[in-house]
C-alpha cells in the first residue's frame, strides 16, 4: 500500500509498504489557485497506487464549491471501483 508521507508546495513524498520504496512526485503543474484535484500516486517499482485528493483554496468564497467538487471526485473514484 502506498502511503503519502508529506505534501509540500506541489511535491508529494510517499512510501510503498509493499516493496519498501520511498519516492516523490511533482504535482505542481496540475495545481492552480482555487482547485480540487485527484492524483494517482504510483510506486515506480511495483505499480501499487493510492489516490491523493488535493484542495487548494486561495479565496474563501470558493471553499464550498471546491469541497463539493472534491466530493464528486471521490464519488467518481468509488463508482469506478465497483
PDB file of N, CA and C in Angstrom:
ATOM      1  N   UNK A   1       0.835  -1.170   0.000  1.00  0.00           N
ATOM      2  CA  UNK A   1       0.000   0.000   0.000  1.00  0.00           C
ATOM      3  C   UNK A   1       0.887   1.244   0.000  1.00  0.00           C
ATOM      4  N   UNK A   2       0.558   2.180  -0.852  1.00  0.00           N
ATOM      5  CA  UNK A   2       1.293   3.439  -0.927  1.00  0.00           C
ATOM      6  C   UNK A   2       0.737   4.379   0.136  1.00  0.00           C
ATOM      7  N   UNK A   3       1.626   4.963   0.923  1.00  0.00           N
ATOM      8  CA  UNK A   3       1.234   5.929   1.955  1.00  0.00           C
ATOM      9  C   UNK A   3       1.893   7.267   1.655  1.00  0.00           C
ATOM     10  N   UNK A   4       1.083   8.298   1.603  1.00  0.00           N
ATOM     11  CA  UNK A   4       1.628   9.637   1.410  1.00  0.00           C
ATOM     12  C   UNK A   4       2.197  10.094   2.749  1.00  0.00           C
ATOM     13  N   UNK A   5       3.458  10.440   2.753  1.00  0.00           N
ATOM     14  CA  UNK A   5       4.151  10.841   3.970  1.00  0.00           C
ATOM     15  C   UNK A   5       4.071  12.348   4.175  1.00  0.00           C
ATOM     16  N   UNK A   6       4.250  13.091   3.074  1.00  0.00           N
ATOM     17  CA  UNK A   6       4.279  14.548   3.181  1.00  0.00           C
ATOM     18  C   UNK A   6       3.886  15.177   1.849  1.00  0.00           C
ATOM     19  N   UNK A   7       3.254  16.309   1.948  1.00  0.00           N
ATOM     20  CA  UNK A   7       2.937  17.122   0.773  1.00  0.00           C
ATOM     21  C   UNK A   7       3.462  18.509   1.051  1.00  0.00           C
ATOM     22  N   UNK A   8       4.291  19.026   0.159  1.00  0.00           N
ATOM     23  CA  UNK A   8       4.877  20.345   0.379  1.00  0.00           C
ATOM     24  C   UNK A   8       5.013  21.081  -0.946  1.00  0.00           C
ATOM     25  N   UNK A   9       4.257  22.147  -1.099  1.00  0.00           N
ATOM     26  CA  UNK A   9       4.336  23.048  -2.242  1.00  0.00           C
ATOM     27  C   UNK A   9       4.369  22.312  -3.588  1.00  0.00           C
ATOM     28  N   UNK A  10       3.402  21.439  -3.786  1.00  0.00           N
ATOM     29  CA  UNK A  10       3.295  20.772  -5.076  1.00  0.00           C
ATOM     30  C   UNK A  10       4.119  19.512  -5.226  1.00  0.00           C
ATOM     31  N   UNK A  11       4.783  19.076  -4.162  1.00  0.00           N
ATOM     32  CA  UNK A  11       5.582  17.858  -4.239  1.00  0.00           C
ATOM     33  C   UNK A  11       5.062  16.861  -3.210  1.00  0.00           C
ATOM     34  N   UNK A  12       4.801  15.629  -3.650  1.00  0.00           N
ATOM     35  CA  UNK A  12       4.265  14.571  -2.801  1.00  0.00           C
ATOM     36  C   UNK A  12       5.383  13.579  -2.496  1.00  0.00           C
ATOM     37  N   UNK A  13       5.597  13.302  -1.224  1.00  0.00           N
ATOM     38  CA  UNK A  13       6.554  12.288  -0.797  1.00  0.00           C
ATOM     39  C   UNK A  13       5.756  11.088  -0.298  1.00  0.00           C
ATOM     40  N   UNK A  14       6.141   9.903  -0.742  1.00  0.00           N
ATOM     41  CA  UNK A  14       5.378   8.711  -0.370  1.00  0.00           C
ATOM     42  C   UNK A  14       6.293   7.524  -0.104  1.00  0.00           C
ATOM     43  N   UNK A  15       5.693   6.506   0.530  1.00  0.00           N
ATOM     44  CA  UNK A  15       6.385   5.250   0.800  1.00  0.00           C
ATOM     45  C   UNK A  15       5.458   4.112   0.413  1.00  0.00           C
ATOM     46  N   UNK A  16       6.009   3.126  -0.261  1.00  0.00           N
ATOM     47  CA  UNK A  16       5.250   1.934  -0.630  1.00  0.00           C
ATOM     48  C   UNK A  16       5.579   0.827   0.372  1.00  0.00           C
ATOM     49  N   UNK A  17       4.566   0.392   1.114  1.00  0.00           N
ATOM     50  CA  UNK A  17       4.763  -0.688   2.089  1.00  0.00           C
ATOM     51  C   UNK A  17       5.012  -2.029   1.413  1.00  0.00           C
ATOM     52  N   UNK A  18       4.479  -2.194   0.216  1.00  0.00           N
ATOM     53  CA  UNK A  18       4.582  -3.470  -0.496  1.00  0.00           C
ATOM     54  C   UNK A  18       6.028  -3.809  -0.865  1.00  0.00           C
ATOM     55  N   UNK A  19       6.781  -2.798  -1.337  1.00  0.00           N
ATOM     56  CA  UNK A  19       8.158  -3.069  -1.768  1.00  0.00           C
ATOM     57  C   UNK A  19       9.199  -2.199  -1.045  1.00  0.00           C
ATOM     58  N   UNK A  20       8.751  -1.444  -0.046  1.00  0.00           N
ATOM     59  CA  UNK A  20       9.619  -0.578   0.752  1.00  0.00           C
ATOM     60  C   UNK A  20      10.335   0.483  -0.088  1.00  0.00           C
ATOM     61  N   UNK A  21       9.636   1.009  -1.076  1.00  0.00           N
ATOM     62  CA  UNK A  21      10.189   2.067  -1.932  1.00  0.00           C
ATOM     63  C   UNK A  21       9.764   3.431  -1.396  1.00  0.00           C
ATOM     64  N   UNK A  22      10.706   4.339  -1.317  1.00  0.00           N
ATOM     65  CA  UNK A  22      10.438   5.732  -0.938  1.00  0.00           C
ATOM     66  C   UNK A  22      10.554   6.565  -2.204  1.00  0.00           C
ATOM     67  N   UNK A  23       9.561   7.407  -2.469  1.00  0.00           N
ATOM     68  CA  UNK A  23       9.599   8.193  -3.697  1.00  0.00           C
ATOM     69  C   UNK A  23       8.963   9.552  -3.543  1.00  0.00           C
ATOM     70  N   UNK A  24       8.997  10.274  -4.625  1.00  0.00           N
ATOM     71  CA  UNK A  24       8.404  11.599  -4.664  1.00  0.00           C
ATOM     72  C   UNK A  24       7.795  11.848  -6.028  1.00  0.00           C
ATOM     73  N   UNK A  25       6.880  12.796  -6.045  1.00  0.00           N
ATOM     74  CA  UNK A  25       6.163  13.081  -7.283  1.00  0.00           C
ATOM     75  C   UNK A  25       5.813  14.560  -7.309  1.00  0.00           C
ATOM     76  N   UNK A  26       6.106  15.218  -8.405  1.00  0.00           N
ATOM     77  CA  UNK A  26       5.796  16.639  -8.563  1.00  0.00           C
ATOM     78  C   UNK A  26       4.414  16.784  -9.185  1.00  0.00           C
ATOM     79  N   UNK A  27       3.492  17.412  -8.460  1.00  0.00           N
ATOM     80  CA  UNK A  27       2.139  17.628  -8.974  1.00  0.00           C
ATOM     81  C   UNK A  27       1.838  19.115  -9.162  1.00  0.00           C
ATOM     82  N   UNK A  28       2.856  19.935  -9.057  1.00  0.00           N
ATOM     83  CA  UNK A  28       2.655  21.384  -9.121  1.00  0.00           C
ATOM     84  C   UNK A  28       2.057  21.842 -10.451  1.00  0.00           C
ATOM     85  N   UNK A  29       2.337  21.125 -11.531  1.00  0.00           N
ATOM     86  CA  UNK A  29       1.791  21.533 -12.829  1.00  0.00           C
ATOM     87  C   UNK A  29       0.281  21.306 -12.898  1.00  0.00           C
ATOM     88  N   UNK A  30      -0.248  20.452 -12.034  1.00  0.00           N
ATOM     89  CA  UNK A  30      -1.691  20.187 -12.009  1.00  0.00           C
ATOM     90  C   UNK A  30      -2.448  21.151 -11.099  1.00  0.00           C
ATOM     91  N   UNK A  31      -1.711  21.920 -10.314  1.00  0.00           N
ATOM     92  CA  UNK A  31      -2.337  22.813  -9.336  1.00  0.00           C
ATOM     93  C   UNK A  31      -2.509  24.226  -9.872  1.00  0.00           C
ATOM     94  N   UNK A  32      -3.581  24.845  -9.446  1.00  0.00           N
ATOM     95  CA  UNK A  32      -3.800  26.262  -9.700  1.00  0.00           C
ATOM     96  C   UNK A  32      -4.517  26.819  -8.473  1.00  0.00           C
ATOM     97  N   UNK A  33      -4.642  28.117  -8.395  1.00  0.00           N
ATOM     98  CA  UNK A  33      -5.388  28.697  -7.281  1.00  0.00           C
ATOM     99  C   UNK A  33      -6.832  28.241  -7.366  1.00  0.00           C
ATOM    100  N   UNK A  34      -7.411  27.925  -6.226  1.00  0.00           N
ATOM    101  CA  UNK A  34      -8.807  27.507  -6.137  1.00  0.00           C
ATOM    102  C   UNK A  34      -9.103  26.295  -7.008  1.00  0.00           C
ATOM    103  N   UNK A  35      -8.445  25.179  -6.685  1.00  0.00           N
ATOM    104  CA  UNK A  35      -8.673  23.954  -7.446  1.00  0.00           C
ATOM    105  C   UNK A  35      -8.879  22.775  -6.504  1.00  0.00           C
ATOM    106  N   UNK A  36      -9.541  21.763  -7.003  1.00  0.00           N
ATOM    107  CA  UNK A  36      -9.706  20.487  -6.314  1.00  0.00           C
ATOM    108  C   UNK A  36      -9.386  19.404  -7.339  1.00  0.00           C
ATOM    109  N   UNK A  37      -8.381  18.575  -7.035  1.00  0.00           N
ATOM    110  CA  UNK A  37      -7.946  17.558  -7.987  1.00  0.00           C
ATOM    111  C   UNK A  37      -7.734  16.216  -7.288  1.00  0.00           C
ATOM    112  N   UNK A  38      -7.735  15.161  -8.074  1.00  0.00           N
ATOM    113  CA  UNK A  38      -7.332  13.854  -7.587  1.00  0.00           C
ATOM    114  C   UNK A  38      -6.100  13.425  -8.380  1.00  0.00           C
ATOM    115  N   UNK A  39      -5.145  12.842  -7.677  1.00  0.00           N
ATOM    116  CA  UNK A  39      -3.873  12.470  -8.276  1.00  0.00           C
ATOM    117  C   UNK A  39      -3.592  11.011  -7.945  1.00  0.00           C
ATOM    118  N   UNK A  40      -3.191  10.249  -8.944  1.00  0.00           N
ATOM    119  CA  UNK A  40      -2.772   8.868  -8.710  1.00  0.00           C
ATOM    120  C   UNK A  40      -1.297   8.871  -8.335  1.00  0.00           C
ATOM    121  N   UNK A  41      -1.007   8.444  -7.119  1.00  0.00           N
ATOM    122  CA  UNK A  41       0.376   8.306  -6.660  1.00  0.00           C
ATOM    123  C   UNK A  41       0.737   6.845  -6.870  1.00  0.00           C
ATOM    124  N   UNK A  42       1.691   6.590  -7.765  1.00  0.00           N
ATOM    125  CA  UNK A  42       2.013   5.232  -8.182  1.00  0.00           C
ATOM    126  C   UNK A  42       3.468   4.901  -7.844  1.00  0.00           C
ATOM    127  N   UNK A  43       3.661   3.744  -7.221  1.00  0.00           N
ATOM    128  CA  UNK A  43       5.006   3.276  -6.904  1.00  0.00           C
ATOM    129  C   UNK A  43       5.722   2.918  -8.207  1.00  0.00           C
ATOM    130  N   UNK A  44       6.920   3.425  -8.354  1.00  0.00           N
ATOM    131  CA  UNK A  44       7.689   3.198  -9.574  1.00  0.00           C
ATOM    132  C   UNK A  44       8.212   1.769  -9.679  1.00  0.00           C
ATOM    133  N   UNK A  45       8.327   1.071  -8.548  1.00  0.00           N
ATOM    134  CA  UNK A  45       8.880  -0.290  -8.576  1.00  0.00           C
ATOM    135  C   UNK A  45       7.823  -1.364  -8.785  1.00  0.00           C
ATOM    136  N   UNK A  46       6.756  -1.326  -7.992  1.00  0.00           N
ATOM    137  CA  UNK A  46       5.787  -2.426  -8.056  1.00  0.00           C
ATOM    138  C   UNK A  46       4.451  -2.033  -8.687  1.00  0.00           C
ATOM    139  N   UNK A  47       4.209  -0.747  -8.883  1.00  0.00           N
ATOM    140  CA  UNK A  47       2.976  -0.306  -9.526  1.00  0.00           C
ATOM    141  C   UNK A  47       1.796  -0.128  -8.593  1.00  0.00           C
ATOM    142  N   UNK A  48       1.991  -0.398  -7.293  1.00  0.00           N
ATOM    143  CA  UNK A  48       0.917  -0.163  -6.330  1.00  0.00           C
ATOM    144  C   UNK A  48       0.574   1.323  -6.346  1.00  0.00           C
ATOM    145  N   UNK A  49      -0.673   1.642  -6.030  1.00  0.00           N
ATOM    146  CA  UNK A  49      -1.061   3.046  -6.139  1.00  0.00           C
ATOM    147  C   UNK A  49      -1.996   3.481  -5.018  1.00  0.00           C
ATOM    148  N   UNK A  50      -2.206   4.783  -4.955  1.00  0.00           N
ATOM    149  CA  UNK A  50      -3.090   5.421  -3.986  1.00  0.00           C
ATOM    150  C   UNK A  50      -3.608   6.693  -4.629  1.00  0.00           C
ATOM    151  N   UNK A  51      -4.833   7.048  -4.311  1.00  0.00           N
ATOM    152  CA  UNK A  51      -5.399   8.297  -4.812  1.00  0.00           C
ATOM    153  C   UNK A  51      -5.199   9.367  -3.745  1.00  0.00           C
ATOM    154  N   UNK A  52      -4.665  10.490  -4.147  1.00  0.00           N
ATOM    155  CA  UNK A  52      -4.478  11.633  -3.255  1.00  0.00           C
ATOM    156  C   UNK A  52      -5.397  12.740  -3.733  1.00  0.00           C
ATOM    157  N   UNK A  53      -6.206  13.263  -2.823  1.00  0.00           N
ATOM    158  CA  UNK A  53      -7.110  14.363  -3.141  1.00  0.00           C
ATOM    159  C   UNK A  53      -6.495  15.644  -2.596  1.00  0.00           C
ATOM    160  N   UNK A  54      -6.403  16.654  -3.459  1.00  0.00           N
ATOM    161  CA  UNK A  54      -5.792  17.926  -3.066  1.00  0.00           C
ATOM    162  C   UNK A  54      -6.783  19.051  -3.322  1.00  0.00           C
ATOM    163  N   UNK A  55      -6.952  19.881  -2.324  1.00  0.00           N
ATOM    164  CA  UNK A  55      -7.791  21.065  -2.449  1.00  0.00           C
ATOM    165  C   UNK A  55      -6.907  22.272  -2.146  1.00  0.00           C
ATOM    166  N   UNK A  56      -6.838  23.198  -3.086  1.00  0.00           N
ATOM    167  CA  UNK A  56      -6.049  24.418  -2.894  1.00  0.00           C
ATOM    168  C   UNK A  56      -7.006  25.606  -3.025  1.00  0.00           C
ATOM    169  N   UNK A  57      -7.249  26.266  -1.921  1.00  0.00           N
ATOM    170  CA  UNK A  57      -8.243  27.332  -1.888  1.00  0.00           C
ATOM    171  C   UNK A  57      -7.591  28.633  -1.431  1.00  0.00           C
ATOM    172  N   UNK A  58      -7.438  29.562  -2.337  1.00  0.00           N
ATOM    173  CA  UNK A  58      -6.870  30.875  -2.016  1.00  0.00           C
ATOM    174  C   UNK A  58      -7.953  31.881  -1.652  1.00  0.00           C
ATOM    175  N   UNK A  59      -9.138  31.699  -2.203  1.00  0.00           N
ATOM    176  CA  UNK A  59     -10.249  32.629  -1.984  1.00  0.00           C
ATOM    177  C   UNK A  59     -11.355  31.896  -1.226  1.00  0.00           C
ATOM    178  N   UNK A  60     -11.641  32.296   0.019  1.00  0.00           N
ATOM    179  CA  UNK A  60     -12.662  31.609   0.820  1.00  0.00           C
ATOM    180  C   UNK A  60     -14.037  31.542   0.155  1.00  0.00           C
ATOM    181  N   UNK A  61     -14.309  32.417  -0.779  1.00  0.00           N
ATOM    182  CA  UNK A  61     -15.599  32.402  -1.470  1.00  0.00           C
ATOM    183  C   UNK A  61     -15.794  31.120  -2.284  1.00  0.00           C
ATOM    184  N   UNK A  62     -14.703  30.442  -2.628  1.00  0.00           N
ATOM    185  CA  UNK A  62     -14.775  29.209  -3.415  1.00  0.00           C
ATOM    186  C   UNK A  62     -14.758  27.942  -2.564  1.00  0.00           C
ATOM    187  N   UNK A  63     -14.649  28.068  -1.260  1.00  0.00           N
ATOM    188  CA  UNK A  63     -14.459  26.908  -0.378  1.00  0.00           C
ATOM    189  C   UNK A  63     -15.569  25.868  -0.519  1.00  0.00           C
ATOM    190  N   UNK A  64     -16.829  26.275  -0.455  1.00  0.00           N
ATOM    191  CA  UNK A  64     -17.932  25.313  -0.551  1.00  0.00           C
ATOM    192  C   UNK A  64     -17.952  24.634  -1.918  1.00  0.00           C
ATOM    193  N   UNK A  65     -17.727  25.401  -2.957  1.00  0.00           N
ATOM    194  CA  UNK A  65     -17.720  24.849  -4.315  1.00  0.00           C
ATOM    195  C   UNK A  65     -16.598  23.829  -4.482  1.00  0.00           C
ATOM    196  N   UNK A  66     -15.423  24.135  -3.954  1.00  0.00           N
ATOM    197  CA  UNK A  66     -14.285  23.228  -4.078  1.00  0.00           C
ATOM    198  C   UNK A  66     -14.492  21.959  -3.248  1.00  0.00           C
ATOM    199  N   UNK A  67     -15.069  22.096  -2.064  1.00  0.00           N
ATOM    200  CA  UNK A  67     -15.378  20.908  -1.256  1.00  0.00           C
ATOM    201  C   UNK A  67     -16.378  20.017  -1.977  1.00  0.00           C
ATOM    202  N   UNK A  68     -17.359  20.610  -2.619  1.00  0.00           N
ATOM    203  CA  UNK A  68     -18.340  19.840  -3.389  1.00  0.00           C
ATOM    204  C   UNK A  68     -17.656  19.125  -4.555  1.00  0.00           C
ATOM    205  N   UNK A  69     -16.746  19.814  -5.223  1.00  0.00           N
ATOM    206  CA  UNK A  69     -16.026  19.203  -6.345  1.00  0.00           C
ATOM    207  C   UNK A  69     -15.187  18.022  -5.855  1.00  0.00           C
ATOM    208  N   UNK A  70     -14.577  18.168  -4.691  1.00  0.00           N
ATOM    209  CA  UNK A  70     -13.795  17.080  -4.113  1.00  0.00           C
ATOM    210  C   UNK A  70     -14.694  15.876  -3.820  1.00  0.00           C
ATOM    211  N   UNK A  71     -15.893  16.137  -3.338  1.00  0.00           N
ATOM    212  CA  UNK A  71     -16.861  15.068  -3.093  1.00  0.00           C
ATOM    213  C   UNK A  71     -17.241  14.340  -4.365  1.00  0.00           C
ATOM    214  N   UNK A  72     -17.401  15.075  -5.449  1.00  0.00           N
ATOM    215  CA  UNK A  72     -17.724  14.464  -6.746  1.00  0.00           C
ATOM    216  C   UNK A  72     -16.561  13.608  -7.232  1.00  0.00           C
ATOM    217  N   UNK A  73     -15.344  14.095  -7.071  1.00  0.00           N
ATOM    218  CA  UNK A  73     -14.170  13.321  -7.482  1.00  0.00           C
ATOM    219  C   UNK A  73     -14.098  12.002  -6.711  1.00  0.00           C
ATOM    220  N   UNK A  74     -14.358  12.054  -5.402  1.00  0.00           N
ATOM    221  CA  UNK A  74     -14.334  10.835  -4.585  1.00  0.00           C
ATOM    222  C   UNK A  74     -15.422   9.867  -5.023  1.00  0.00           C
ATOM    223  N   UNK A  75     -16.620  10.388  -5.275  1.00  0.00           N
ATOM    224  CA  UNK A  75     -17.739   9.539  -5.699  1.00  0.00           C
ATOM    225  C   UNK A  75     -17.425   8.858  -7.031  1.00  0.00           C
ATOM    226  N   UNK A  76     -16.805   9.596  -7.955  1.00  0.00           N
ATOM    227  CA  UNK A  76     -16.434   9.007  -9.246  1.00  0.00           C
ATOM    228  C   UNK A  76     -15.439   7.871  -9.058  1.00  0.00           C
ATOM    229  N   UNK A  77     -14.463   8.070  -8.194  1.00  0.00           N
ATOM    230  CA  UNK A  77     -13.456   7.028  -7.929  1.00  0.00           C
ATOM    231  C   UNK A  77     -14.107   5.786  -7.336  1.00  0.00           C
ATOM    232  N   UNK A  78     -15.028   5.989  -6.399  1.00  0.00           N
ATOM    233  CA  UNK A  78     -15.717   4.852  -5.786  1.00  0.00           C
ATOM    234  C   UNK A  78     -16.554   4.100  -6.823  1.00  0.00           C
ATOM    235  N   UNK A  79     -17.213   4.834  -7.699  1.00  0.00           N
ATOM    236  CA  UNK A  79     -18.026   4.214  -8.743  1.00  0.00           C
ATOM    237  C   UNK A  79     -17.164   3.415  -9.714  1.00  0.00           C
ATOM    238  N   UNK A  80     -15.966   3.884  -9.999  1.00  0.00           N
ATOM    239  CA  UNK A  80     -15.051   3.174 -10.906  1.00  0.00           C
ATOM    240  C   UNK A  80     -14.599   1.856 -10.311  1.00  0.00           C
ATOM    241  N   UNK A  81     -14.473   1.779  -8.994  1.00  0.00           N
ATOM    242  CA  UNK A  81     -14.006   0.563  -8.322  1.00  0.00           C
ATOM    243  C   UNK A  81     -15.043  -0.534  -8.342  1.00  0.00           C
ATOM    244  N   UNK A  82     -16.309  -0.160  -8.453  1.00  0.00           N
ATOM    245  CA  UNK A  82     -17.393  -1.160  -8.384  1.00  0.00           C
ATOM    246  C   UNK A  82     -17.586  -1.853  -9.680  1.00  0.00           C
TER     247      UNK A  82
END
